Amino acid sequence: RLSCAASGRTFSRYTMGWFRHAPGKERQFVAAISWNVDNTAYE
């Protein structure tokens, strides 16, 4: 279980996402969640 803690600003109105980067590959989208958690997207 990965966690991402934000500080210095509130991001409650912003979509947030996870990306990953494996050696020898391009950065890849993993998942995203909307500000109000109503919408999600996954690779």
PDB file of all heavy atoms in Angstrom:
ATOM      1  N   ARG A   1       0.852  -1.184   0.000  1.00  0.00           N
ATOM      2  CA  ARG A   1       0.000   0.000   0.000  1.00  0.00           C
ATOM      3  C   ARG A   1       0.886   1.231   0.000  1.00  0.00           C
ATOM      4  O   ARG A   1       1.625   1.469   0.961  1.00  0.00           O
ATOM      5  CB  ARG A   1      -0.914   0.019   1.216  1.00  0.00           C
ATOM      6  CG  ARG A   1      -1.960   1.138   1.159  1.00  0.00           C
ATOM      7  CD  ARG A   1      -2.634   1.312   2.490  1.00  0.00           C
ATOM      8  NE  ARG A   1      -3.842   2.140   2.408  1.00  0.00           N
ATOM      9  CZ  ARG A   1      -4.314   2.868   3.406  1.00  0.00           C
ATOM     10  NH1 ARG A   1      -3.688   2.867   4.565  1.00  0.00           N
ATOM     11  NH2 ARG A   1      -5.433   3.554   3.260  1.00  0.00           N
ATOM     12  N   LEU A   2       0.805   1.985  -1.070  1.00  0.00           N
ATOM     13  CA  LEU A   2       1.559   3.220  -1.178  1.00  0.00           C
ATOM     14  C   LEU A   2       0.738   4.382  -0.643  1.00  0.00           C
ATOM     15  O   LEU A   2      -0.484   4.418  -0.809  1.00  0.00           O
ATOM     16  CB  LEU A   2       1.938   3.496  -2.626  1.00  0.00           C
ATOM     17  CG  LEU A   2       2.692   2.395  -3.371  1.00  0.00           C
ATOM     18  CD1 LEU A   2       3.072   2.900  -4.767  1.00  0.00           C
ATOM     19  CD2 LEU A   2       3.914   1.946  -2.605  1.00  0.00           C
ATOM     20  N   SER A   3       1.415   5.322  -0.028  1.00  0.00           N
ATOM     21  CA  SER A   3       0.774   6.548   0.445  1.00  0.00           C
ATOM     22  C   SER A   3       1.485   7.745  -0.159  1.00  0.00           C
ATOM     23  O   SER A   3       2.690   7.693  -0.416  1.00  0.00           O
ATOM     24  CB  SER A   3       0.837   6.632   1.969  1.00  0.00           C
ATOM     25  OG  SER A   3       0.143   5.581   2.575  1.00  0.00           O
ATOM     26  N   CYS A   4       0.728   8.794  -0.362  1.00  0.00           N
ATOM     27  CA  CYS A   4       1.281  10.051  -0.863  1.00  0.00           C
ATOM     28  C   CYS A   4       0.734  11.174   0.001  1.00  0.00           C
ATOM     29  O   CYS A   4      -0.451  11.504  -0.074  1.00  0.00           O
ATOM     30  CB  CYS A   4       0.893  10.260  -2.312  1.00  0.00           C
ATOM     31  SG  CYS A   4       1.327  11.886  -2.981  1.00  0.00           S
ATOM     32  N   ALA A   5       1.588  11.729   0.815  1.00  0.00           N
ATOM     33  CA  ALA A   5       1.177  12.806   1.713  1.00  0.00           C
ATOM     34  C   ALA A   5       1.578  14.145   1.114  1.00  0.00           C
ATOM     35  O   ALA A   5       2.741  14.347   0.757  1.00  0.00           O
ATOM     36  CB  ALA A   5       1.827  12.619   3.081  1.00  0.00           C
ATOM     37  N   ALA A   6       0.614  15.052   1.013  1.00  0.00           N
ATOM     38  CA  ALA A   6       0.872  16.377   0.457  1.00  0.00           C
ATOM     39  C   ALA A   6       0.981  17.396   1.583  1.00  0.00           C
ATOM     40  O   ALA A   6       0.231  17.339   2.561  1.00  0.00           O
ATOM     41  CB  ALA A   6      -0.244  16.773  -0.496  1.00  0.00           C
ATOM     42  N   SER A   7       1.892  18.311   1.433  1.00  0.00           N
ATOM     43  CA  SER A   7       2.042  19.370   2.418  1.00  0.00           C
ATOM     44  C   SER A   7       2.297  20.680   1.706  1.00  0.00           C
ATOM     45  O   SER A   7       2.700  20.709   0.552  1.00  0.00           O
ATOM     46  CB  SER A   7       3.194  19.060   3.377  1.00  0.00           C
ATOM     47  OG  SER A   7       4.404  18.956   2.669  1.00  0.00           O
ATOM     48  N   GLY A   8       2.018  21.774   2.406  1.00  0.00           N
ATOM     49  CA  GLY A   8       2.248  23.093   1.845  1.00  0.00           C
ATOM     50  C   GLY A   8       1.071  23.656   1.087  1.00  0.00           C
ATOM     51  O   GLY A   8       1.070  24.829   0.718  1.00  0.00           O
ATOM     52  N   ARG A   9       0.070  22.838   0.853  1.00  0.00           N
ATOM     53  CA  ARG A   9      -1.095  23.276   0.088  1.00  0.00           C
ATOM     54  C   ARG A   9      -2.166  22.197   0.202  1.00  0.00           C
ATOM     55  O   ARG A   9      -1.851  21.021   0.334  1.00  0.00           O
ATOM     56  CB  ARG A   9      -0.704  23.473  -1.368  1.00  0.00           C
ATOM     57  CG  ARG A   9      -1.806  23.983  -2.267  1.00  0.00           C
ATOM     58  CD  ARG A   9      -1.249  24.239  -3.645  1.00  0.00           C
ATOM     59  NE  ARG A   9      -2.267  24.601  -4.590  1.00  0.00           N
ATOM     60  CZ  ARG A   9      -2.032  24.871  -5.866  1.00  0.00           C
ATOM     61  NH1 ARG A   9      -0.800  24.824  -6.330  1.00  0.00           N
ATOM     62  NH2 ARG A   9      -3.015  25.173  -6.688  1.00  0.00           N
ATOM     63  N   THR A  10      -3.419  22.628   0.106  1.00  0.00           N
ATOM     64  CA  THR A  10      -4.524  21.671   0.123  1.00  0.00           C
ATOM     65  C   THR A  10      -4.897  21.309  -1.313  1.00  0.00           C
ATOM     66  O   THR A  10      -5.119  22.204  -2.133  1.00  0.00           O
ATOM     67  CB  THR A  10      -5.747  22.267   0.844  1.00  0.00           C
ATOM     68  OG1 THR A  10      -5.393  22.551   2.192  1.00  0.00           O
ATOM     69  CG2 THR A  10      -6.903  21.287   0.808  1.00  0.00           C
ATOM     70  N   PHE A  11      -5.014  20.019  -1.589  1.00  0.00           N
ATOM     71  CA  PHE A  11      -5.307  19.576  -2.945  1.00  0.00           C
ATOM     72  C   PHE A  11      -6.692  18.958  -3.080  1.00  0.00           C
ATOM     73  O   PHE A  11      -6.937  18.159  -3.977  1.00  0.00           O
ATOM     74  CB  PHE A  11      -4.243  18.564  -3.390  1.00  0.00           C
ATOM     75  CG  PHE A  11      -2.907  19.180  -3.645  1.00  0.00           C
ATOM     76  CD1 PHE A  11      -1.834  18.897  -2.828  1.00  0.00           C
ATOM     77  CD2 PHE A  11      -2.733  20.060  -4.689  1.00  0.00           C
ATOM     78  CE1 PHE A  11      -0.597  19.469  -3.060  1.00  0.00           C
ATOM     79  CE2 PHE A  11      -1.500  20.640  -4.934  1.00  0.00           C
ATOM     80  CZ  PHE A  11      -0.430  20.338  -4.120  1.00  0.00           C
ATOM     81  N   SER A  12      -7.594  19.351  -2.225  1.00  0.00           N
ATOM     82  CA  SER A  12      -8.914  18.731  -2.206  1.00  0.00           C
ATOM     83  C   SER A  12      -9.717  18.989  -3.481  1.00  0.00           C
ATOM     84  O   SER A  12     -10.690  18.291  -3.736  1.00  0.00           O
ATOM     85  CB  SER A  12      -9.705  19.210  -0.988  1.00  0.00           C
ATOM     86  OG  SER A  12      -9.831  20.621  -1.010  1.00  0.00           O
ATOM     87  N   ARG A  13      -9.339  19.956  -4.297  1.00  0.00           N
ATOM     88  CA  ARG A  13     -10.060  20.238  -5.536  1.00  0.00           C
ATOM     89  C   ARG A  13      -9.298  19.793  -6.772  1.00  0.00           C
ATOM     90  O   ARG A  13      -9.657  20.139  -7.900  1.00  0.00           O
ATOM     91  CB  ARG A  13     -10.381  21.731  -5.640  1.00  0.00           C
ATOM     92  CG  ARG A  13     -11.359  22.221  -4.577  1.00  0.00           C
ATOM     93  CD  ARG A  13     -11.777  23.644  -4.849  1.00  0.00           C
ATOM     94  NE  ARG A  13     -10.657  24.578  -4.769  1.00  0.00           N
ATOM     95  CZ  ARG A  13     -10.719  25.854  -5.166  1.00  0.00           C
ATOM     96  NH1 ARG A  13     -11.844  26.330  -5.667  1.00  0.00           N
ATOM     97  NH2 ARG A  13      -9.671  26.636  -5.050  1.00  0.00           N
ATOM     98  N   TYR A  14      -8.243  19.014  -6.571  1.00  0.00           N
ATOM     99  CA  TYR A  14      -7.383  18.617  -7.682  1.00  0.00           C
ATOM    100  C   TYR A  14      -7.387  17.105  -7.886  1.00  0.00           C
ATOM    101  O   TYR A  14      -7.335  16.342  -6.914  1.00  0.00           O
ATOM    102  CB  TYR A  14      -5.949  19.066  -7.425  1.00  0.00           C
ATOM    103  CG  TYR A  14      -5.778  20.555  -7.421  1.00  0.00           C
ATOM    104  CD1 TYR A  14      -6.116  21.307  -6.299  1.00  0.00           C
ATOM    105  CD2 TYR A  14      -5.279  21.225  -8.536  1.00  0.00           C
ATOM    106  CE1 TYR A  14      -5.962  22.672  -6.292  1.00  0.00           C
ATOM    107  CE2 TYR A  14      -5.124  22.596  -8.533  1.00  0.00           C
ATOM    108  CZ  TYR A  14      -5.469  23.319  -7.407  1.00  0.00           C
ATOM    109  OH  TYR A  14      -5.326  24.670  -7.409  1.00  0.00           O
ATOM    110  N   THR A  15      -7.398  16.718  -9.153  1.00  0.00           N
ATOM    111  CA  THR A  15      -7.210  15.314  -9.470  1.00  0.00           C
ATOM    112  C   THR A  15      -5.766  14.924  -9.144  1.00  0.00           C
ATOM    113  O   THR A  15      -4.828  15.676  -9.422  1.00  0.00           O
ATOM    114  CB  THR A  15      -7.504  15.059 -10.953  1.00  0.00           C
ATOM    115  OG1 THR A  15      -8.914  15.210 -11.168  1.00  0.00           O
ATOM    116  CG2 THR A  15      -7.084  13.668 -11.385  1.00  0.00           C
ATOM    117  N   MET A  16      -5.618  13.746  -8.565  1.00  0.00           N
ATOM    118  CA  MET A  16      -4.295  13.242  -8.215  1.00  0.00           C
ATOM    119  C   MET A  16      -4.084  11.898  -8.893  1.00  0.00           C
ATOM    120  O   MET A  16      -5.051  11.195  -9.219  1.00  0.00           O
ATOM    121  CB  MET A  16      -4.172  13.079  -6.699  1.00  0.00           C
ATOM    122  CG  MET A  16      -4.360  14.372  -5.939  1.00  0.00           C
ATOM    123  SD  MET A  16      -4.241  14.165  -4.140  1.00  0.00           S
ATOM    124  CE  MET A  16      -2.471  13.865  -3.947  1.00  0.00           C
ATOM    125  N   GLY A  17      -2.824  11.561  -9.112  1.00  0.00           N
ATOM    126  CA  GLY A  17      -2.564  10.313  -9.823  1.00  0.00           C
ATOM    127  C   GLY A  17      -1.271   9.643  -9.400  1.00  0.00           C
ATOM    128  O   GLY A  17      -0.444  10.229  -8.699  1.00  0.00           O
ATOM    129  N   TRP A  18      -1.141   8.410  -9.842  1.00  0.00           N
ATOM    130  CA  TRP A  18       0.080   7.631  -9.654  1.00  0.00           C
ATOM    131  C   TRP A  18       0.660   7.275 -11.026  1.00  0.00           C
ATOM    132  O   TRP A  18      -0.075   6.895 -11.938  1.00  0.00           O
ATOM    133  CB  TRP A  18      -0.216   6.331  -8.898  1.00  0.00           C
ATOM    134  CG  TRP A  18      -0.550   6.509  -7.454  1.00  0.00           C
ATOM    135  CD1 TRP A  18      -1.803   6.592  -6.906  1.00  0.00           C
ATOM    136  CD2 TRP A  18       0.370   6.626  -6.369  1.00  0.00           C
ATOM    137  NE1 TRP A  18      -1.716   6.753  -5.544  1.00  0.00           N
ATOM    138  CE2 TRP A  18      -0.391   6.773  -5.198  1.00  0.00           C
ATOM    139  CE3 TRP A  18       1.761   6.617  -6.276  1.00  0.00           C
ATOM    140  CZ2 TRP A  18       0.191   6.920  -3.934  1.00  0.00           C
ATOM    141  CZ3 TRP A  18       2.345   6.751  -5.025  1.00  0.00           C
ATOM    142  CH2 TRP A  18       1.568   6.899  -3.874  1.00  0.00           C
ATOM    143  N   PHE A  19       1.957   7.399 -11.129  1.00  0.00           N
ATOM    144  CA  PHE A  19       2.690   7.000 -12.318  1.00  0.00           C
ATOM    145  C   PHE A  19       3.832   6.095 -11.874  1.00  0.00           C
ATOM    146  O   PHE A  19       4.193   6.063 -10.698  1.00  0.00           O
ATOM    147  CB  PHE A  19       3.255   8.232 -13.046  1.00  0.00           C
ATOM    148  CG  PHE A  19       2.204   9.093 -13.675  1.00  0.00           C
ATOM    149  CD1 PHE A  19       1.424   9.953 -12.904  1.00  0.00           C
ATOM    150  CD2 PHE A  19       1.971   9.051 -15.040  1.00  0.00           C
ATOM    151  CE1 PHE A  19       0.443  10.751 -13.478  1.00  0.00           C
ATOM    152  CE2 PHE A  19       0.995   9.849 -15.631  1.00  0.00           C
ATOM    153  CZ  PHE A  19       0.238  10.696 -14.839  1.00  0.00           C
ATOM    154  N   ARG A  20       4.400   5.370 -12.809  1.00  0.00           N
ATOM    155  CA  ARG A  20       5.555   4.527 -12.488  1.00  0.00           C
ATOM    156  C   ARG A  20       6.571   4.577 -13.618  1.00  0.00           C
ATOM    157  O   ARG A  20       6.225   4.840 -14.765  1.00  0.00           O
ATOM    158  CB  ARG A  20       5.129   3.091 -12.204  1.00  0.00           C
ATOM    159  CG  ARG A  20       4.506   2.345 -13.370  1.00  0.00           C
ATOM    160  CD  ARG A  20       3.963   0.998 -12.890  1.00  0.00           C
ATOM    161  NE  ARG A  20       3.350   0.240 -13.974  1.00  0.00           N
ATOM    162  CZ  ARG A  20       2.705  -0.910 -13.803  1.00  0.00           C
ATOM    163  NH1 ARG A  20       2.585  -1.432 -12.574  1.00  0.00           N
ATOM    164  NH2 ARG A  20       2.176  -1.547 -14.838  1.00  0.00           N
ATOM    165  N   HIS A  21       7.813   4.317 -13.243  1.00  0.00           N
ATOM    166  CA  HIS A  21       8.896   4.364 -14.208  1.00  0.00           C
ATOM    167  C   HIS A  21       9.807   3.181 -13.955  1.00  0.00           C
ATOM    168  O   HIS A  21      10.452   3.094 -12.897  1.00  0.00           O
ATOM    169  CB  HIS A  21       9.670   5.678 -14.066  1.00  0.00           C
ATOM    170  CG  HIS A  21      10.572   5.950 -15.205  1.00  0.00           C
ATOM    171  ND1 HIS A  21      11.390   7.059 -15.254  1.00  0.00           N
ATOM    172  CD2 HIS A  21      10.792   5.273 -16.363  1.00  0.00           C
ATOM    173  CE1 HIS A  21      12.071   7.048 -16.391  1.00  0.00           C
ATOM    174  NE2 HIS A  21      11.715   5.976 -17.074  1.00  0.00           N
ATOM    175  N   ALA A  22       9.822   2.261 -14.906  1.00  0.00           N
ATOM    176  CA  ALA A  22      10.674   1.091 -14.810  1.00  0.00           C
ATOM    177  C   ALA A  22      11.937   1.315 -15.644  1.00  0.00           C
ATOM    178  O   ALA A  22      11.903   2.052 -16.639  1.00  0.00           O
ATOM    179  CB  ALA A  22       9.936  -0.142 -15.314  1.00  0.00           C
ATOM    180  N   PRO A  23      13.040   0.706 -15.266  1.00  0.00           N
ATOM    181  CA  PRO A  23      14.294   0.865 -16.022  1.00  0.00           C
ATOM    182  C   PRO A  23      14.118   0.493 -17.485  1.00  0.00           C
ATOM    183  O   PRO A  23      13.551  -0.549 -17.805  1.00  0.00           O
ATOM    184  CB  PRO A  23      15.250  -0.088 -15.312  1.00  0.00           C
ATOM    185  CG  PRO A  23      14.714  -0.233 -13.941  1.00  0.00           C
ATOM    186  CD  PRO A  23      13.219  -0.161 -14.095  1.00  0.00           C
ATOM    187  N   GLY A  24      14.583   1.363 -18.362  1.00  0.00           N
ATOM    188  CA  GLY A  24      14.520   1.088 -19.788  1.00  0.00           C
ATOM    189  C   GLY A  24      13.165   1.318 -20.421  1.00  0.00           C
ATOM    190  O   GLY A  24      12.985   1.068 -21.608  1.00  0.00           O
ATOM    191  N   LYS A  25      12.222   1.804 -19.621  1.00  0.00           N
ATOM    192  CA  LYS A  25      10.878   2.058 -20.151  1.00  0.00           C
ATOM    193  C   LYS A  25      10.492   3.508 -19.907  1.00  0.00           C
ATOM    194  O   LYS A  25      11.090   4.191 -19.084  1.00  0.00           O
ATOM    195  CB  LYS A  25       9.863   1.131 -19.482  1.00  0.00           C
ATOM    196  CG  LYS A  25      10.091  -0.345 -19.753  1.00  0.00           C
ATOM    197  CD  LYS A  25       8.998  -1.178 -19.122  1.00  0.00           C
ATOM    198  CE  LYS A  25       9.198  -2.660 -19.413  1.00  0.00           C
ATOM    199  NZ  LYS A  25       8.124  -3.502 -18.796  1.00  0.00           N
ATOM    200  N   GLU A  26       9.476   3.936 -20.625  1.00  0.00           N
ATOM    201  CA  GLU A  26       8.975   5.289 -20.423  1.00  0.00           C
ATOM    202  C   GLU A  26       8.079   5.327 -19.192  1.00  0.00           C
ATOM    203  O   GLU A  26       7.549   4.308 -18.760  1.00  0.00           O
ATOM    204  CB  GLU A  26       8.189   5.751 -21.654  1.00  0.00           C
ATOM    205  CG  GLU A  26       9.051   5.918 -22.897  1.00  0.00           C
ATOM    206  CD  GLU A  26       8.273   6.520 -24.046  1.00  0.00           C
ATOM    207  OE1 GLU A  26       7.049   6.678 -23.920  1.00  0.00           O
ATOM    208  OE2 GLU A  26       8.902   6.838 -25.071  1.00  0.00           O
ATOM    209  N   ARG A  27       7.919   6.526 -18.658  1.00  0.00           N
ATOM    210  CA  ARG A  27       7.007   6.703 -17.542  1.00  0.00           C
ATOM    211  C   ARG A  27       5.601   6.253 -17.948  1.00  0.00           C
ATOM    212  O   ARG A  27       5.154   6.526 -19.052  1.00  0.00           O
ATOM    213  CB  ARG A  27       6.964   8.164 -17.126  1.00  0.00           C
ATOM    214  CG  ARG A  27       6.083   8.459 -15.925  1.00  0.00           C
ATOM    215  CD  ARG A  27       6.100   9.932 -15.614  1.00  0.00           C
ATOM    216  NE  ARG A  27       5.508  10.719 -16.688  1.00  0.00           N
ATOM    217  CZ  ARG A  27       5.618  12.031 -16.802  1.00  0.00           C
ATOM    218  NH1 ARG A  27       6.324  12.700 -15.917  1.00  0.00           N
ATOM    219  NH2 ARG A  27       5.043  12.667 -17.788  1.00  0.00           N
ATOM    220  N   GLN A  28       4.917   5.587 -17.049  1.00  0.00           N
ATOM    221  CA  GLN A  28       3.615   5.023 -17.361  1.00  0.00           C
ATOM    222  C   GLN A  28       2.565   5.468 -16.354  1.00  0.00           C
ATOM    223  O   GLN A  28       2.802   5.463 -15.140  1.00  0.00           O
ATOM    224  CB  GLN A  28       3.709   3.485 -17.346  1.00  0.00           C
ATOM    225  CG  GLN A  28       2.416   2.768 -17.697  1.00  0.00           C
ATOM    226  CD  GLN A  28       2.543   1.254 -17.557  1.00  0.00           C
ATOM    227  OE1 GLN A  28       3.141   0.749 -16.609  1.00  0.00           O
ATOM    228  NE2 GLN A  28       1.968   0.531 -18.508  1.00  0.00           N
ATOM    229  N   PHE A  29       1.427   5.847 -16.860  1.00  0.00           N
ATOM    230  CA  PHE A  29       0.274   6.152 -16.007  1.00  0.00           C
ATOM    231  C   PHE A  29      -0.190   4.877 -15.314  1.00  0.00           C
ATOM    232  O   PHE A  29      -0.232   3.819 -15.933  1.00  0.00           O
ATOM    233  CB  PHE A  29      -0.846   6.723 -16.865  1.00  0.00           C
ATOM    234  CG  PHE A  29      -2.175   6.813 -16.175  1.00  0.00           C
ATOM    235  CD1 PHE A  29      -2.438   7.859 -15.299  1.00  0.00           C
ATOM    236  CD2 PHE A  29      -3.161   5.866 -16.396  1.00  0.00           C
ATOM    237  CE1 PHE A  29      -3.666   7.954 -14.668  1.00  0.00           C
ATOM    238  CE2 PHE A  29      -4.386   5.955 -15.769  1.00  0.00           C
ATOM    239  CZ  PHE A  29      -4.637   7.001 -14.906  1.00  0.00           C
ATOM    240  N   VAL A  30      -0.538   4.994 -14.045  1.00  0.00           N
ATOM    241  CA  VAL A  30      -1.032   3.847 -13.296  1.00  0.00           C
ATOM    242  C   VAL A  30      -2.502   4.036 -12.914  1.00  0.00           C
ATOM    243  O   VAL A  30      -3.342   3.190 -13.205  1.00  0.00           O
ATOM    244  CB  VAL A  30      -0.197   3.607 -12.026  1.00  0.00           C
ATOM    245  CG1 VAL A  30      -0.786   2.456 -11.208  1.00  0.00           C
ATOM    246  CG2 VAL A  30       1.251   3.316 -12.390  1.00  0.00           C
ATOM    247  N   ALA A  31      -2.795   5.145 -12.256  1.00  0.00           N
ATOM    248  CA  ALA A  31      -4.161   5.376 -11.796  1.00  0.00           C
ATOM    249  C   ALA A  31      -4.342   6.842 -11.448  1.00  0.00           C
ATOM    250  O   ALA A  31      -3.369   7.549 -11.174  1.00  0.00           O
ATOM    251  CB  ALA A  31      -4.478   4.516 -10.578  1.00  0.00           C
ATOM    252  N   ALA A  32      -5.591   7.288 -11.470  1.00  0.00           N
ATOM    253  CA  ALA A  32      -5.912   8.657 -11.093  1.00  0.00           C
ATOM    254  C   ALA A  32      -7.247   8.670 -10.372  1.00  0.00           C
ATOM    255  O   ALA A  32      -8.096   7.797 -10.582  1.00  0.00           O
ATOM    256  CB  ALA A  32      -5.950   9.573 -12.315  1.00  0.00           C
ATOM    257  N   ILE A  33      -7.431   9.690  -9.531  1.00  0.00           N
ATOM    258  CA  ILE A  33      -8.671   9.838  -8.788  1.00  0.00           C
ATOM    259  C   ILE A  33      -9.066  11.301  -8.782  1.00  0.00           C
ATOM    260  O   ILE A  33      -8.228  12.185  -8.603  1.00  0.00           O
ATOM    261  CB  ILE A  33      -8.514   9.280  -7.354  1.00  0.00           C
ATOM    262  CG1 ILE A  33      -9.841   9.302  -6.608  1.00  0.00           C
ATOM    263  CG2 ILE A  33      -7.421  10.031  -6.583  1.00  0.00           C
ATOM    264  CD1 ILE A  33      -9.822   8.470  -5.324  1.00  0.00           C
ATOM    265  N   SER A  34     -10.347  11.555  -9.002  1.00  0.00           N
ATOM    266  CA  SER A  34     -10.831  12.926  -9.065  1.00  0.00           C
ATOM    267  C   SER A  34     -10.863  13.552  -7.676  1.00  0.00           C
ATOM    268  O   SER A  34     -10.787  12.867  -6.656  1.00  0.00           O
ATOM    269  CB  SER A  34     -12.224  12.963  -9.684  1.00  0.00           C
ATOM    270  OG  SER A  34     -13.150  12.248  -8.874  1.00  0.00           O
ATOM    271  N   TRP A  35     -11.040  14.862  -7.658  1.00  0.00           N
ATOM    272  CA  TRP A  35     -11.007  15.606  -6.408  1.00  0.00           C
ATOM    273  C   TRP A  35     -12.067  15.133  -5.423  1.00  0.00           C
ATOM    274  O   TRP A  35     -11.834  15.127  -4.214  1.00  0.00           O
ATOM    275  CB  TRP A  35     -11.217  17.092  -6.714  1.00  0.00           C
ATOM    276  CG  TRP A  35     -12.584  17.385  -7.286  1.00  0.00           C
ATOM    277  CD1 TRP A  35     -12.994  17.218  -8.569  1.00  0.00           C
ATOM    278  CD2 TRP A  35     -13.712  17.891  -6.581  1.00  0.00           C
ATOM    279  NE1 TRP A  35     -14.303  17.572  -8.713  1.00  0.00           N
ATOM    280  CE2 TRP A  35     -14.776  18.006  -7.512  1.00  0.00           C
ATOM    281  CE3 TRP A  35     -13.935  18.270  -5.256  1.00  0.00           C
ATOM    282  CZ2 TRP A  35     -16.039  18.469  -7.155  1.00  0.00           C
ATOM    283  CZ3 TRP A  35     -15.184  18.742  -4.895  1.00  0.00           C
ATOM    284  CH2 TRP A  35     -16.224  18.834  -5.844  1.00  0.00           C
ATOM    285  N   ASN A  36     -13.233  14.719  -5.959  1.00  0.00           N
ATOM    286  CA  ASN A  36     -14.336  14.309  -5.081  1.00  0.00           C
ATOM    287  C   ASN A  36     -14.493  12.803  -5.017  1.00  0.00           C
ATOM    288  O   ASN A  36     -15.513  12.308  -4.553  1.00  0.00           O
ATOM    289  CB  ASN A  36     -15.646  14.946  -5.563  1.00  0.00           C
ATOM    290  CG  ASN A  36     -15.988  14.531  -6.984  1.00  0.00           C
ATOM    291  OD1 ASN A  36     -15.213  13.840  -7.633  1.00  0.00           O
ATOM    292  ND2 ASN A  36     -17.137  14.968  -7.470  1.00  0.00           N
ATOM    293  N   VAL A  37     -13.504  12.074  -5.463  1.00  0.00           N
ATOM    294  CA  VAL A  37     -13.415  10.608  -5.482  1.00  0.00           C
ATOM    295  C   VAL A  37     -14.501   9.937  -6.312  1.00  0.00           C
ATOM    296  O   VAL A  37     -14.602   8.706  -6.321  1.00  0.00           O
ATOM    297  CB  VAL A  37     -13.394   9.979  -4.056  1.00  0.00           C
ATOM    298  CG1 VAL A  37     -12.330  10.611  -3.198  1.00  0.00           C
ATOM    299  CG2 VAL A  37     -14.738  10.052  -3.380  1.00  0.00           C
ATOM    300  N   ASP A  38     -15.281  10.699  -7.042  1.00  0.00           N
ATOM    301  CA  ASP A  38     -16.352  10.112  -7.851  1.00  0.00           C
ATOM    302  C   ASP A  38     -15.825   9.378  -9.071  1.00  0.00           C
ATOM    303  O   ASP A  38     -16.487   8.473  -9.585  1.00  0.00           O
ATOM    304  CB  ASP A  38     -17.325  11.205  -8.312  1.00  0.00           C
ATOM    305  CG  ASP A  38     -18.341  11.548  -7.242  1.00  0.00           C
ATOM    306  OD1 ASP A  38     -18.304  10.886  -6.174  1.00  0.00           O
ATOM    307  OD2 ASP A  38     -19.153  12.450  -7.460  1.00  0.00           O
ATOM    308  N   ASN A  39     -14.671   9.787  -9.544  1.00  0.00           N
ATOM    309  CA  ASN A  39     -14.129   9.188 -10.760  1.00  0.00           C
ATOM    310  C   ASN A  39     -12.719   8.666 -10.538  1.00  0.00           C
ATOM    311  O   ASN A  39     -11.902   9.315  -9.881  1.00  0.00           O
ATOM    312  CB  ASN A  39     -14.097  10.220 -11.888  1.00  0.00           C
ATOM    313  CG  ASN A  39     -15.483  10.663 -12.292  1.00  0.00           C
ATOM    314  OD1 ASN A  39     -16.310   9.864 -12.702  1.00  0.00           O
ATOM    315  ND2 ASN A  39     -15.757  11.951 -12.154  1.00  0.00           N
ATOM    316  N   THR A  40     -12.467   7.493 -11.095  1.00  0.00           N
ATOM    317  CA  THR A  40     -11.127   6.917 -11.066  1.00  0.00           C
ATOM    318  C   THR A  40     -10.792   6.373 -12.454  1.00  0.00           C
ATOM    319  O   THR A  40     -11.678   6.127 -13.271  1.00  0.00           O
ATOM    320  CB  THR A  40     -11.010   5.776 -10.046  1.00  0.00           C
ATOM    321  OG1 THR A  40     -11.970   4.763 -10.362  1.00  0.00           O
ATOM    322  CG2 THR A  40     -11.237   6.273  -8.623  1.00  0.00           C
ATOM    323  N   ALA A  41      -9.526   6.221 -12.692  1.00  0.00           N
ATOM    324  CA  ALA A  41      -9.062   5.634 -13.947  1.00  0.00           C
ATOM    325  C   ALA A  41      -7.840   4.768 -13.653  1.00  0.00           C
ATOM    326  O   ALA A  41      -7.054   5.083 -12.765  1.00  0.00           O
ATOM    327  CB  ALA A  41      -8.701   6.723 -14.953  1.00  0.00           C
ATOM    328  N   TYR A  42      -7.710   3.688 -14.422  1.00  0.00           N
ATOM    329  CA  TYR A  42      -6.604   2.770 -14.219  1.00  0.00           C
ATOM    330  C   TYR A  42      -5.998   2.358 -15.553  1.00  0.00           C
ATOM    331  O   TYR A  42      -6.693   2.242 -16.570  1.00  0.00           O
ATOM    332  CB  TYR A  42      -7.080   1.492 -13.505  1.00  0.00           C
ATOM    333  CG  TYR A  42      -7.575   1.702 -12.100  1.00  0.00           C
ATOM    334  CD1 TYR A  42      -8.918   1.960 -11.849  1.00  0.00           C
ATOM    335  CD2 TYR A  42      -6.693   1.663 -11.022  1.00  0.00           C
ATOM    336  CE1 TYR A  42      -9.377   2.160 -10.558  1.00  0.00           C
ATOM    337  CE2 TYR A  42      -7.158   1.859  -9.720  1.00  0.00           C
ATOM    338  CZ  TYR A  42      -8.496   2.112  -9.507  1.00  0.00           C
ATOM    339  OH  TYR A  42      -8.942   2.316  -8.231  1.00  0.00           O
ATOM    340  N   GLU A  43      -4.711   2.128 -15.524  1.00  0.00           N
ATOM    341  CA  GLU A  43      -4.043   1.530 -16.667  1.00  0.00           C
ATOM    342  C   GLU A  43      -4.542   0.093 -16.768  1.00  0.00           C
ATOM    343  O   GLU A  43      -4.789  -0.567 -15.758  1.00  0.00           O
ATOM    344  CB  GLU A  43      -2.540   1.595 -16.451  1.00  0.00           C
ATOM    345  CG  GLU A  43      -1.706   1.339 -17.685  1.00  0.00           C
ATOM    346  CD  GLU A  43      -1.416  -0.111 -17.891  1.00  0.00           C
ATOM    347  OE1 GLU A  43      -1.280  -0.829 -16.878  1.00  0.00           O
ATOM    348  OE2 GLU A  43      -1.337  -0.546 -19.064  1.00  0.00           O
TER     349      GLU A  43
END
